[in-house]
């Protein structure tokens, strides 16, 4: 019974697992489908794309790899295009890392672009600028003109807000306009013209700025982009005011009022209209028409136009009316406010400059440390290589020295053995010394008794003294025959041993005859030592020569040469 219940429980658990897995699989497939839909809508309808992203998040699907990177990119893109804050969208860094390894240039460029937006909102201006520039390098390979235009616009905005690089800002906005011109997005082209014009105004390039403003206004009117038209009127009114072209300032204001009315709605439109009308009122006053100036000033919403514009406009009106005291009072207040605004601007500029300085200093320090680290690594690697080469050279040298040493040792052993073999032993040397003494005694005996009958007996005495009695062998084995054999071994080492080995049939007395010959004894001396007559010795020598195959002296000579 328990076994059955166990099997039933296991089956139920397995079924529950399969249902859950199927449900999860279905949710994942649905999430992937919604992600693809959000990618398409992020360009044209970012609000709907953002709604889809929120639905995907509610499914609690854990994406990995490509889907995780795509979700991060689309989410940041949709929020940014919906003008939502993206500084907390840190997942965009995951998308950048993934597309750097696995994505194409367009995916990587777009991920880097939105990473730049996140970094900029986090206040990391330098990092944002670097990210935008990396995005530009990636997208230049794809021909994505729209994205390249957006990137250059954002780089230009960073330079404008940094207040440190107006020429670079202008150049970037020119590039943005160039890329947008190669698309069919009239709205982007319009904004590019007006943005470039605003940058040119800051560098006092008024004529070129006016040309771009005119083109921007024309494109905005063609697409009924009223906000862009009003921006254009405000910018061109500012140029005319700076150039002292009061009539054109007034005409521009009349055109704007005729097209938009005295009051306009919108987040920025009232301020722009207020700036246009305040410029018009000042132009009337400078033109000598204070009443018209006052009438226009009375129609301005100064809360949106700003206190500085009001003070400056009324100072011009009072001056035109001849009320110099009021004119000076309002002008002084305007100047004080301008100074405070300028000081705030300087402070902001200083802060931005300090930020850029800090970023630059940090970057230079990082580059210096990286260069130092690289140099250190190069030195370490070079040192290791040099040490390895030295170790290799030393190892090879030691091997060669050892081999040479072994060879020399072997040669030395051979030479030592050869010298040892050819060097008489101590006993041999003693025998040779005795023979030299005997020779000296024989010479002395011959010198003293050479002409007397007792010479023969004296010679025999010398021989008996040094060699022994030829007719008798000493008990200690050191008789005359042993002396001769010992002397022969000292003069021709190994001779008798070889003859014994090669010709074992030769008798000891015959070996003694060969030894006497090797020692250089005369026939008479040899016969005396042998105890035979000279004739018998000749016969014996003949027999020995027949056994050896050559004369005894020739055999001894050949043996000596072979050594």
Protein backbone atom coordinates (compact mmCIF):
# COMPACT_ATOMS: atom_id res chain seq x y z
CA UNK A 1 0.00 0.00 0.00
CA UNK A 2 2.83 2.38 0.90
CA UNK A 3 4.57 1.56 -2.37
CA UNK A 4 1.45 2.48 -4.35
CA UNK A 5 1.05 5.78 -2.45
CA UNK A 6 4.70 6.59 -3.07
CA UNK A 7 4.34 5.98 -6.82
CA UNK A 8 1.20 8.12 -6.95
CA UNK A 9 2.91 10.98 -5.11
CA UNK A 10 5.92 10.79 -7.42
CA UNK A 11 3.67 10.86 -10.49
CA UNK A 12 1.83 13.88 -9.12
CA UNK A 13 5.07 15.74 -8.46
CA UNK A 14 6.34 14.94 -11.95
CA UNK A 15 3.09 16.17 -13.49
CA UNK A 16 3.28 19.38 -11.46
CA UNK A 17 6.88 19.88 -12.57
CA UNK A 18 6.00 19.36 -16.24
CA UNK A 19 3.09 21.80 -15.99
CA UNK A 20 5.32 24.39 -14.31
CA UNK A 21 8.08 23.86 -16.89
CA UNK A 22 5.60 24.17 -19.73
CA UNK A 23 4.17 27.32 -18.17
CA UNK A 24 7.65 28.82 -17.72
CA UNK A 25 8.59 27.84 -21.24
CA UNK A 26 5.43 29.48 -22.53
CA UNK A 27 6.11 32.65 -20.54
CA UNK A 28 9.67 32.80 -21.84
CA UNK A 29 8.52 32.42 -25.44
CA UNK A 30 5.92 35.14 -24.92
CA UNK A 31 8.55 37.40 -23.33
CA UNK A 32 10.88 36.91 -26.31
CA UNK A 33 8.04 37.76 -28.70
CA UNK A 34 7.17 40.91 -26.73
CA UNK A 35 10.82 41.92 -26.66
CA UNK A 36 10.99 41.75 -30.46
CA UNK A 37 7.85 43.89 -30.68
CA UNK A 38 9.27 46.45 -28.24
CA UNK A 39 12.46 46.71 -30.33
CA UNK A 40 10.43 47.70 -33.37
CA UNK A 41 8.26 50.22 -31.49
CA UNK A 42 11.13 51.87 -29.60
CA UNK A 43 11.90 54.01 -32.67
CA UNK A 44 8.36 55.07 -33.63
CA UNK A 45 6.31 54.67 -30.44
CA UNK A 46 8.58 54.63 -27.38
CA UNK A 47 5.64 54.94 -24.94
CA UNK A 48 4.10 51.68 -26.15
CA UNK A 49 7.54 50.05 -26.19
CA UNK A 50 8.02 51.09 -22.57
CA UNK A 51 4.65 49.57 -21.64
CA UNK A 52 5.71 46.28 -23.23
CA UNK A 53 9.01 46.34 -21.34
CA UNK A 54 7.11 46.76 -18.08
CA UNK A 55 4.95 43.72 -18.96
CA UNK A 56 8.08 41.67 -19.63
CA UNK A 57 9.49 42.74 -16.25
CA UNK A 58 6.26 41.62 -14.56
CA UNK A 59 6.74 38.07 -15.88
CA UNK A 60 9.98 37.79 -13.84
CA UNK A 61 11.73 35.99 -16.68
CA UNK A 62 15.45 35.68 -16.13
CA UNK A 63 17.02 36.46 -19.48
CA UNK A 64 20.66 35.76 -20.17
CA UNK A 65 23.09 36.45 -22.98
CA UNK A 66 21.65 38.14 -26.06
CA UNK A 67 18.09 38.56 -24.77
CA UNK A 68 19.37 40.20 -21.58
CA UNK A 69 21.47 42.66 -23.61
CA UNK A 70 18.58 43.45 -25.98
CA UNK A 71 16.17 44.02 -23.09
CA UNK A 72 18.62 46.39 -21.37
CA UNK A 73 19.17 48.38 -24.58
CA UNK A 74 15.48 48.64 -25.52
CA UNK A 75 14.47 49.61 -21.97
CA UNK A 76 17.02 52.45 -21.78
CA UNK A 77 16.21 53.58 -25.30
CA UNK A 78 12.46 53.72 -24.67
CA UNK A 79 12.82 55.59 -21.39
CA UNK A 80 15.25 58.09 -22.91
CA UNK A 81 12.97 58.78 -25.88
CA UNK A 82 10.07 59.25 -23.47
CA UNK A 83 12.16 61.92 -21.66
CA UNK A 84 12.38 59.82 -18.51
CA UNK A 85 15.47 59.76 -16.28
CA UNK A 86 17.88 56.98 -17.25
CA UNK A 87 20.71 57.55 -14.78
CA UNK A 88 19.72 54.37 -12.89
CA UNK A 89 19.68 52.19 -16.04
CA UNK A 90 22.98 50.51 -15.18
CA UNK A 91 22.04 47.35 -17.13
CA UNK A 92 23.03 49.22 -20.29
CA UNK A 93 26.66 48.47 -19.30
CA UNK A 94 25.84 44.73 -19.57
CA UNK A 95 24.48 45.36 -23.08
CA UNK A 96 27.69 47.18 -24.08
CA UNK A 97 29.89 44.37 -22.76
CA UNK A 98 27.81 41.72 -24.56
CA UNK A 99 27.71 43.53 -27.91
CA UNK A 100 31.44 44.25 -27.72
CA UNK A 101 32.01 40.49 -27.83
CA UNK A 102 29.06 39.16 -29.81
CA UNK A 103 27.19 42.02 -31.49
CA UNK A 104 27.60 43.85 -34.78
CA UNK A 105 28.77 47.46 -35.13
CA UNK A 106 25.23 48.88 -35.21
CA UNK A 107 24.18 47.10 -32.01
CA UNK A 108 27.40 48.08 -30.27
CA UNK A 109 27.19 51.70 -31.47
CA UNK A 110 23.60 52.08 -30.28
CA UNK A 111 24.39 50.50 -26.90
CA UNK A 112 27.37 52.85 -26.46
CA UNK A 113 25.23 55.85 -27.41
CA UNK A 114 22.63 55.14 -24.72
CA UNK A 115 25.37 54.28 -22.26
CA UNK A 116 26.64 57.80 -22.92
CA UNK A 117 23.19 59.19 -22.07
CA UNK A 118 23.15 57.25 -18.77
CA UNK A 119 26.66 58.41 -17.86
CA UNK A 120 25.80 62.02 -18.69
CA UNK A 121 22.76 61.98 -16.40
CA UNK A 122 24.97 60.52 -13.67
CA UNK A 123 27.22 63.58 -14.01
CA UNK A 124 30.09 61.59 -15.48
CA UNK A 125 30.58 63.99 -18.38
CA UNK A 126 34.01 62.81 -19.42
CA UNK A 127 32.95 59.16 -19.48
CA UNK A 128 29.81 60.06 -21.41
CA UNK A 129 31.88 61.92 -24.00
CA UNK A 130 34.20 58.93 -24.37
CA UNK A 131 31.24 56.57 -24.76
CA UNK A 132 29.71 58.78 -27.46
CA UNK A 133 32.99 58.92 -29.35
CA UNK A 134 33.34 55.13 -29.19
CA UNK A 135 29.76 54.84 -30.48
CA UNK A 136 30.64 57.17 -33.36
CA UNK A 137 33.63 55.00 -34.34
CA UNK A 138 31.45 51.89 -34.35
CA UNK A 139 28.56 53.46 -36.30
CA UNK A 140 30.80 55.06 -38.94
CA UNK A 141 31.31 51.52 -40.27
CA UNK A 142 27.56 51.00 -40.71
CA UNK A 143 26.42 54.17 -42.49
CA UNK A 144 23.71 54.79 -39.85
CA UNK A 145 23.29 58.49 -40.65
CA UNK A 146 20.46 59.09 -38.19
CA UNK A 147 22.37 57.65 -35.23
CA UNK A 148 25.57 59.44 -36.26
CA UNK A 149 23.62 62.71 -36.38
CA UNK A 150 22.21 62.10 -32.89
CA UNK A 151 25.61 61.21 -31.48
CA UNK A 152 27.26 64.35 -32.87
CA UNK A 153 24.37 66.45 -31.54
CA UNK A 154 24.87 65.05 -28.05
CA UNK A 155 28.64 65.51 -28.21
CA UNK A 156 28.02 69.13 -29.25
CA UNK A 157 25.63 69.60 -26.32
CA UNK A 158 28.26 68.31 -23.90
CA UNK A 159 30.80 70.80 -25.24
CA UNK A 160 28.22 73.61 -25.05
CA UNK A 161 27.31 72.85 -21.44
CA UNK A 162 30.97 72.54 -20.47
CA UNK A 163 31.51 76.14 -21.62
CA UNK A 164 35.07 75.34 -22.58
CA UNK A 165 35.05 74.40 -26.25
CA UNK A 166 32.77 76.45 -28.51
CA UNK A 167 34.65 75.62 -31.76
CA UNK A 168 34.36 71.89 -31.07
CA UNK A 169 30.65 72.29 -30.32
CA UNK A 170 30.10 74.08 -33.63
CA UNK A 171 32.06 71.46 -35.56
CA UNK A 172 30.06 68.63 -34.01
CA UNK A 173 26.75 70.33 -34.83
CA UNK A 174 27.93 70.80 -38.43
CA UNK A 175 28.60 67.07 -38.62
CA UNK A 176 25.19 66.34 -37.12
CA UNK A 177 23.51 68.50 -39.79
CA UNK A 178 25.57 66.75 -42.47
CA UNK A 179 24.34 63.31 -41.34
CA UNK A 180 20.73 64.42 -40.88
CA UNK A 181 20.74 65.96 -44.38
CA UNK A 182 21.31 62.42 -45.73
CA UNK A 183 18.05 61.24 -44.13
CA UNK A 184 14.43 62.12 -44.86
CA UNK A 185 13.68 63.25 -41.28
CA UNK A 186 12.72 66.92 -41.80
CA UNK A 187 12.22 67.43 -38.07
CA UNK A 188 15.78 66.38 -37.28
CA UNK A 189 17.17 68.53 -40.09
CA UNK A 190 15.19 71.53 -38.78
CA UNK A 191 16.50 71.12 -35.24
CA UNK A 192 20.04 70.64 -36.57
CA UNK A 193 19.88 73.97 -38.44
CA UNK A 194 18.59 75.83 -35.36
CA UNK A 195 21.08 74.16 -32.99
CA UNK A 196 23.98 75.03 -35.30
CA UNK A 197 22.67 78.60 -35.56
CA UNK A 198 22.57 78.95 -31.76
CA UNK A 199 26.20 77.72 -31.60
CA UNK A 200 27.26 80.17 -34.32
CA UNK A 201 25.60 83.04 -32.42
CA UNK A 202 27.77 82.25 -29.40
CA UNK A 203 30.83 82.77 -31.61
CA UNK A 204 29.29 85.93 -33.14
CA UNK A 205 29.10 84.36 -36.61
CA UNK A 206 25.82 86.18 -37.16
CA UNK A 207 25.58 86.02 -40.96
CA UNK A 208 26.06 82.26 -41.15
CA UNK A 209 23.76 81.81 -38.16
CA UNK A 210 21.04 83.84 -39.89
CA UNK A 211 21.28 81.65 -42.98
CA UNK A 212 20.74 78.47 -40.94
CA UNK A 213 17.89 80.10 -39.02
CA UNK A 214 16.13 80.98 -42.29
CA UNK A 215 16.51 77.40 -43.54
CA UNK A 216 15.27 76.06 -40.20
CA UNK A 217 12.22 78.32 -40.21
CA UNK A 218 11.38 77.36 -43.80
CA UNK A 219 11.56 73.61 -43.01
CA UNK A 220 9.54 74.11 -39.79
CA UNK A 221 6.79 75.99 -41.64
CA UNK A 222 6.71 73.28 -44.29
CA UNK A 223 6.07 70.61 -41.64
CA UNK A 224 3.91 72.91 -39.45
CA UNK A 225 6.42 72.67 -36.59
CA UNK A 226 5.21 75.80 -34.73
CA UNK A 227 7.63 75.43 -31.81
CA UNK A 228 10.63 75.32 -34.17
CA UNK A 229 9.30 78.38 -36.05
CA UNK A 230 9.06 80.32 -32.77
CA UNK A 231 12.61 79.25 -31.85
CA UNK A 232 13.77 80.58 -35.20
CA UNK A 233 12.02 83.94 -34.64
CA UNK A 234 13.59 84.26 -31.19
CA UNK A 235 17.11 83.52 -32.51
CA UNK A 236 16.86 85.88 -35.48
CA UNK A 237 15.41 88.62 -33.27
CA UNK A 238 18.43 88.22 -30.98
CA UNK A 239 20.81 88.55 -33.97
CA UNK A 240 19.08 91.72 -35.24
CA UNK A 241 19.18 93.24 -31.76
CA UNK A 242 22.92 92.52 -31.45
CA UNK A 243 23.54 94.05 -34.87
CA UNK A 244 21.43 97.16 -34.02
CA UNK A 245 18.95 96.39 -36.79
CA UNK A 246 15.96 97.81 -34.91
CA UNK A 247 13.54 97.82 -37.84
CA UNK A 248 14.16 94.07 -38.50
CA UNK A 249 13.64 93.38 -34.78
CA UNK A 250 10.24 95.08 -34.92
CA UNK A 251 9.27 93.34 -38.17
CA UNK A 252 10.20 89.95 -36.73
CA UNK A 253 8.05 90.61 -33.63
CA UNK A 254 5.06 91.67 -35.80
CA UNK A 255 5.45 88.48 -37.86
CA UNK A 256 5.57 86.33 -34.71
CA UNK A 257 2.50 88.06 -33.19
CA UNK A 258 0.60 87.77 -36.47
CA UNK A 259 1.36 84.03 -36.64
CA UNK A 260 1.09 83.07 -32.94
CA UNK A 261 -0.80 85.89 -31.23
CA UNK A 262 0.24 87.91 -28.18
CA UNK A 263 0.02 84.90 -25.86
CA UNK A 264 1.10 81.35 -26.60
CA UNK A 265 0.80 78.03 -24.79
CA UNK A 266 3.46 75.47 -24.07
CA UNK A 267 6.35 74.76 -21.72
CA UNK A 268 8.86 77.10 -23.42
CA UNK A 269 6.80 79.10 -25.94
CA UNK A 270 5.71 81.88 -23.51
CA UNK A 271 9.34 82.66 -22.60
CA UNK A 272 10.40 82.71 -26.25
CA UNK A 273 7.52 85.05 -27.16
CA UNK A 274 8.38 87.24 -24.15
CA UNK A 275 11.99 87.54 -25.38
CA UNK A 276 10.80 88.49 -28.88
CA UNK A 277 8.40 91.15 -27.55
CA UNK A 278 10.92 92.61 -25.07
CA UNK A 279 13.42 92.96 -27.92
CA UNK A 280 10.66 94.66 -29.96
CA UNK A 281 9.83 97.09 -27.11
CA UNK A 282 13.53 97.99 -26.72
CA UNK A 283 13.79 98.46 -30.49
CA UNK A 284 10.80 100.89 -30.48
CA UNK A 285 12.41 102.84 -27.63
CA UNK A 286 15.76 103.05 -29.41
CA UNK A 287 13.89 103.99 -32.56
CA UNK A 288 12.43 107.07 -30.74
CA UNK A 289 8.91 105.69 -30.29
CA UNK A 290 8.47 105.31 -26.51
CA UNK A 291 4.67 105.07 -26.69
CA UNK A 292 4.80 102.06 -29.02
CA UNK A 293 7.48 100.57 -26.81
CA UNK A 294 5.31 101.01 -23.69
CA UNK A 295 2.30 99.51 -25.50
CA UNK A 296 4.27 96.41 -26.46
CA UNK A 297 5.79 96.13 -22.97
CA UNK A 298 2.32 96.19 -21.44
CA UNK A 299 1.38 93.05 -23.44
CA UNK A 300 4.39 91.02 -22.21
CA UNK A 301 4.03 88.33 -19.52
CA UNK A 302 7.07 89.36 -17.48
CA UNK A 303 6.81 86.33 -15.20
CA UNK A 304 7.86 84.18 -18.13
CA UNK A 305 10.06 86.78 -19.86
CA UNK A 306 12.16 87.36 -16.74
CA UNK A 307 12.97 90.26 -14.43
CA UNK A 308 16.21 91.17 -16.18
CA UNK A 309 14.42 91.66 -19.53
CA UNK A 310 11.76 93.82 -17.82
CA UNK A 311 14.33 96.09 -16.13
CA UNK A 312 16.38 96.52 -19.29
CA UNK A 313 13.33 97.14 -21.50
CA UNK A 314 11.87 99.80 -19.16
CA UNK A 315 15.26 101.48 -18.80
CA UNK A 316 15.22 101.93 -22.60
CA UNK A 317 11.62 103.21 -22.49
CA UNK A 318 12.35 105.75 -19.70
CA UNK A 319 15.44 106.89 -21.56
CA UNK A 320 13.35 107.44 -24.73
CA UNK A 321 10.76 109.37 -22.63
CA UNK A 322 13.49 111.59 -21.20
CA UNK A 323 13.04 110.24 -17.67
CA UNK A 324 16.74 109.81 -17.07
CA UNK A 325 16.48 109.19 -13.33
CA UNK A 326 14.15 106.23 -13.79
CA UNK A 327 16.21 105.08 -16.75
CA UNK A 328 19.39 105.09 -14.68
CA UNK A 329 17.63 103.38 -11.77
CA UNK A 330 16.29 100.55 -13.93
CA UNK A 331 19.52 100.31 -15.88
CA UNK A 332 21.50 100.00 -12.64
CA UNK A 333 19.20 97.28 -11.34
CA UNK A 334 19.49 95.46 -14.66
CA UNK A 335 23.26 95.70 -14.52
CA UNK A 336 23.33 94.42 -10.95
CA UNK A 337 21.17 91.49 -11.96
CA UNK A 338 23.32 90.92 -15.04
CA UNK A 339 26.41 90.89 -12.83
CA UNK A 340 24.85 88.34 -10.49
CA UNK A 341 23.73 86.24 -13.45
CA UNK A 342 27.17 86.57 -14.99
CA UNK A 343 28.80 85.63 -11.70
CA UNK A 344 26.55 82.59 -11.45
CA UNK A 345 27.46 81.76 -15.01
CA UNK A 346 31.14 82.14 -14.20
CA UNK A 347 30.74 79.92 -11.17
CA UNK A 348 28.98 77.34 -13.28
CA UNK A 349 31.67 77.67 -15.92
CA UNK A 350 34.33 77.29 -13.25
CA UNK A 351 32.63 74.19 -11.86
CA UNK A 352 32.39 72.68 -15.33
CA UNK A 353 35.97 73.60 -16.10
CA UNK A 354 37.09 72.07 -12.82
CA UNK A 355 35.17 68.91 -13.63
CA UNK A 356 36.82 68.69 -17.02
CA UNK A 357 40.19 69.43 -15.41
CA UNK A 358 39.63 66.70 -12.84
CA UNK A 359 38.56 64.25 -15.54
CA UNK A 360 41.53 65.20 -17.69
CA UNK A 361 43.93 64.95 -14.76
CA UNK A 362 42.49 61.57 -13.80
CA UNK A 363 42.71 60.40 -17.39
CA UNK A 364 46.31 61.59 -17.69
CA UNK A 365 47.16 59.94 -14.38
CA UNK A 366 45.54 56.70 -15.58
CA UNK A 367 47.46 56.94 -18.84
CA UNK A 368 50.68 57.60 -16.92
CA UNK A 369 50.07 54.65 -14.63
CA UNK A 370 49.12 52.46 -17.58
CA UNK A 371 52.28 53.53 -19.40
CA UNK A 372 54.34 52.90 -16.26
CA UNK A 373 52.71 49.50 -15.80
CA UNK A 374 53.31 48.65 -19.46
CA UNK A 375 56.94 49.77 -19.18
CA UNK A 376 57.36 47.70 -16.02
CA UNK A 377 55.89 44.66 -17.72
CA UNK A 378 58.17 45.17 -20.72
CA UNK A 379 61.20 45.43 -18.42
CA UNK A 380 60.12 42.36 -16.46
CA UNK A 381 59.45 40.33 -19.60
CA UNK A 382 62.71 41.51 -21.18
CA UNK A 383 64.58 40.65 -17.98
CA UNK A 384 62.98 37.21 -17.88
CA UNK A 385 63.84 36.64 -21.54
CA UNK A 386 67.43 37.82 -20.98
CA UNK A 387 67.77 35.63 -17.88
CA UNK A 388 66.31 32.70 -19.80
CA UNK A 389 68.76 33.31 -22.64
CA UNK A 390 71.64 33.62 -20.18
CA UNK A 391 70.52 30.45 -18.42
CA UNK A 392 70.30 28.68 -21.77
CA UNK A 393 73.73 29.95 -22.82
CA UNK A 394 75.21 29.01 -19.45
CA UNK A 395 73.56 25.59 -19.56
CA UNK A 396 74.89 24.95 -23.06
CA UNK A 397 78.32 26.26 -22.03
CA UNK A 398 78.34 24.05 -18.95
CA UNK A 399 77.30 21.08 -21.09
CA UNK A 400 80.04 21.86 -23.60
CA UNK A 401 82.59 22.32 -20.79
CA UNK A 402 81.48 19.08 -19.15
CA UNK A 403 81.67 17.25 -22.46
CA UNK A 404 85.08 18.75 -23.18
CA UNK A 405 86.19 17.97 -19.63
CA UNK A 406 85.01 14.40 -19.97
CA UNK A 407 86.80 14.13 -23.29
CA UNK A 408 89.99 15.61 -21.85
CA UNK A 409 89.68 13.37 -18.80
CA UNK A 410 89.28 10.38 -21.06
CA UNK A 411 92.24 11.48 -23.14
CA UNK A 412 94.19 12.16 -19.96
CA UNK A 413 93.35 8.70 -18.62
CA UNK A 414 94.49 7.21 -21.92
CA UNK A 415 97.70 9.21 -21.88
CA UNK A 416 98.22 8.41 -18.21
CA UNK A 417 97.69 4.72 -18.90
CA UNK A 418 99.98 4.92 -21.90
CA UNK A 419 102.60 6.75 -19.89
CA UNK A 420 102.09 4.34 -17.05
CA UNK A 421 102.45 1.41 -19.42
CA UNK A 422 105.58 2.91 -20.95
CA UNK A 423 107.12 4.04 -17.67
CA UNK A 424 109.34 1.50 -15.91
CA UNK A 425 108.26 0.47 -12.48
CA UNK A 426 110.33 1.22 -9.42
CA UNK A 427 111.94 -2.18 -9.45
CA UNK A 428 112.70 -1.80 -13.15
CA UNK A 429 114.24 1.58 -12.49
CA UNK A 430 116.39 0.06 -9.75
CA UNK A 431 117.49 -2.67 -12.16
CA UNK A 432 118.31 -0.09 -14.81
CA UNK A 433 120.32 1.81 -12.21
CA UNK A 434 122.22 -1.33 -11.29
CA UNK A 435 122.89 -2.02 -14.99
CA UNK A 436 124.24 1.50 -15.41
CA UNK A 437 126.47 0.98 -12.36
CA UNK A 438 127.58 -2.40 -13.75
CA UNK A 439 128.40 -0.75 -17.07
CA UNK A 440 130.38 1.93 -15.28
CA UNK A 441 132.25 -0.83 -13.34
CA UNK A 442 132.99 -2.79 -16.55
CA UNK A 443 134.36 0.36 -18.21
CA UNK A 444 136.50 1.11 -15.17
CA UNK A 445 137.73 -2.56 -15.05
CA UNK A 446 138.62 -2.51 -18.73
CA UNK A 447 140.44 0.80 -18.22
CA UNK A 448 142.48 -0.63 -15.32
CA UNK A 449 143.08 -4.26 -16.45
CA UNK A 450 142.65 -4.08 -20.18
CA UNK A 451 146.25 -5.03 -20.89
CA UNK A 452 146.69 -7.66 -18.14
CA UNK A 453 145.91 -11.36 -18.06
CA UNK A 454 143.54 -10.92 -15.12
CA UNK A 455 140.95 -8.93 -17.12
CA UNK A 456 138.70 -11.90 -17.75
CA UNK A 457 138.48 -12.78 -14.09
CA UNK A 458 137.77 -9.15 -13.16
CA UNK A 459 134.87 -8.99 -15.66
CA UNK A 460 133.44 -12.16 -14.19
CA UNK A 461 133.64 -10.61 -10.72
CA UNK A 462 131.68 -7.56 -11.93
CA UNK A 463 129.00 -9.77 -13.48
CA UNK A 464 128.76 -11.88 -10.36
CA UNK A 465 128.35 -8.71 -8.28
CA UNK A 466 125.50 -7.23 -10.29
CA UNK A 467 123.86 -10.19 -12.07
CA UNK A 468 124.86 -13.14 -10.02
CA UNK A 469 126.50 -16.44 -10.78
CA UNK A 470 125.21 -17.58 -14.14
CA UNK A 471 125.72 -21.19 -13.12
CA UNK A 472 123.65 -21.04 -10.03
CA UNK A 473 120.19 -19.77 -9.19
CA UNK A 474 119.68 -17.98 -5.91
CA UNK A 475 117.24 -19.39 -3.42
CA UNK A 476 115.27 -16.12 -3.28
CA UNK A 477 114.60 -16.31 -7.04
CA UNK A 478 116.77 -13.34 -7.80
CA UNK A 479 119.56 -15.02 -9.85
CA UNK A 480 121.18 -13.81 -13.04
CA UNK A 481 118.38 -15.09 -15.30
CA UNK A 482 115.72 -13.27 -13.24
CA UNK A 483 117.84 -10.12 -13.40
CA UNK A 484 118.02 -10.34 -17.18
CA UNK A 485 114.26 -10.91 -17.49
CA UNK A 486 113.62 -8.00 -15.16
CA UNK A 487 115.90 -5.75 -17.19
CA UNK A 488 114.18 -6.85 -20.40
CA UNK A 489 110.76 -5.96 -18.88
CA UNK A 490 112.08 -2.53 -17.98
CA UNK A 491 113.43 -1.92 -21.48
CA UNK A 492 110.65 -3.58 -23.51
CA UNK A 493 107.58 -3.92 -21.29
CA UNK A 494 105.33 -6.87 -22.26
CA UNK A 495 107.74 -8.37 -24.79
CA UNK A 496 108.30 -11.71 -23.04
CA UNK A 497 104.60 -11.93 -22.05
CA UNK A 498 103.52 -11.56 -25.69
CA UNK A 499 106.04 -14.12 -26.91
CA UNK A 500 104.83 -16.55 -24.24
CA UNK A 501 101.23 -15.94 -25.40
CA UNK A 502 101.90 -16.19 -29.15
CA UNK A 503 104.54 -18.95 -29.00
CA UNK A 504 103.95 -21.09 -25.91
CA UNK A 505 106.30 -23.76 -27.33
CA UNK A 506 109.43 -21.71 -26.65
CA UNK A 507 111.37 -22.87 -23.63
CA UNK A 508 112.45 -20.64 -20.69
CA UNK A 509 116.13 -20.72 -21.78
CA UNK A 510 115.10 -19.59 -25.27
CA UNK A 511 113.06 -16.76 -23.73
CA UNK A 512 116.22 -15.83 -21.80
CA UNK A 513 118.13 -15.64 -25.09
CA UNK A 514 115.46 -13.27 -26.51
CA UNK A 515 115.64 -11.17 -23.30
CA UNK A 516 119.42 -10.88 -23.62
CA UNK A 517 119.05 -9.74 -27.20
CA UNK A 518 116.43 -7.14 -26.14
CA UNK A 519 118.80 -5.89 -23.44
CA UNK A 520 121.54 -5.44 -26.05
CA UNK A 521 123.93 -8.05 -24.62
CA UNK A 522 126.69 -9.24 -26.92
CA UNK A 523 126.91 -12.79 -28.14
CA UNK A 524 129.69 -13.59 -25.69
CA UNK A 525 127.80 -12.09 -22.73
CA UNK A 526 124.61 -13.90 -23.74
CA UNK A 527 126.52 -17.23 -24.11
CA UNK A 528 128.14 -16.68 -20.70
CA UNK A 529 124.74 -15.94 -19.10
CA UNK A 530 123.19 -18.92 -20.85
CA UNK A 531 126.13 -21.20 -19.90
CA UNK A 532 126.57 -22.40 -23.47
CA UNK A 533 129.12 -21.89 -26.23
CA UNK A 534 128.71 -19.22 -28.82
CA UNK A 535 128.17 -21.84 -31.56
CA UNK A 536 125.37 -23.39 -29.55
CA UNK A 537 123.91 -19.93 -29.10
CA UNK A 538 123.91 -19.35 -32.88
CA UNK A 539 122.03 -22.63 -33.35
CA UNK A 540 119.52 -21.68 -30.70
CA UNK A 541 118.96 -18.23 -32.21
CA UNK A 542 118.29 -19.82 -35.60
CA UNK A 543 115.70 -22.13 -34.10
CA UNK A 544 114.04 -19.20 -32.26
CA UNK A 545 113.94 -17.09 -35.45
CA UNK A 546 112.22 -19.94 -37.31
CA UNK A 547 109.53 -20.08 -34.58
CA UNK A 548 109.08 -16.28 -34.55
CA UNK A 549 109.07 -16.10 -38.35
CA UNK A 550 111.81 -13.45 -38.40
CA UNK A 551 115.08 -12.60 -36.82
CA UNK A 552 114.96 -11.89 -33.10
CA UNK A 553 116.13 -8.24 -33.47
CA UNK A 554 113.47 -7.60 -36.18
CA UNK A 555 110.74 -9.05 -33.96
CA UNK A 556 111.85 -6.81 -31.09
CA UNK A 557 111.89 -3.74 -33.38
CA UNK A 558 108.35 -4.46 -34.67
CA UNK A 559 107.11 -4.95 -31.12
CA UNK A 560 108.61 -1.65 -29.99
CA UNK A 561 107.02 0.24 -32.92
CA UNK A 562 103.60 -1.29 -32.21
CA UNK A 563 103.69 0.13 -28.70
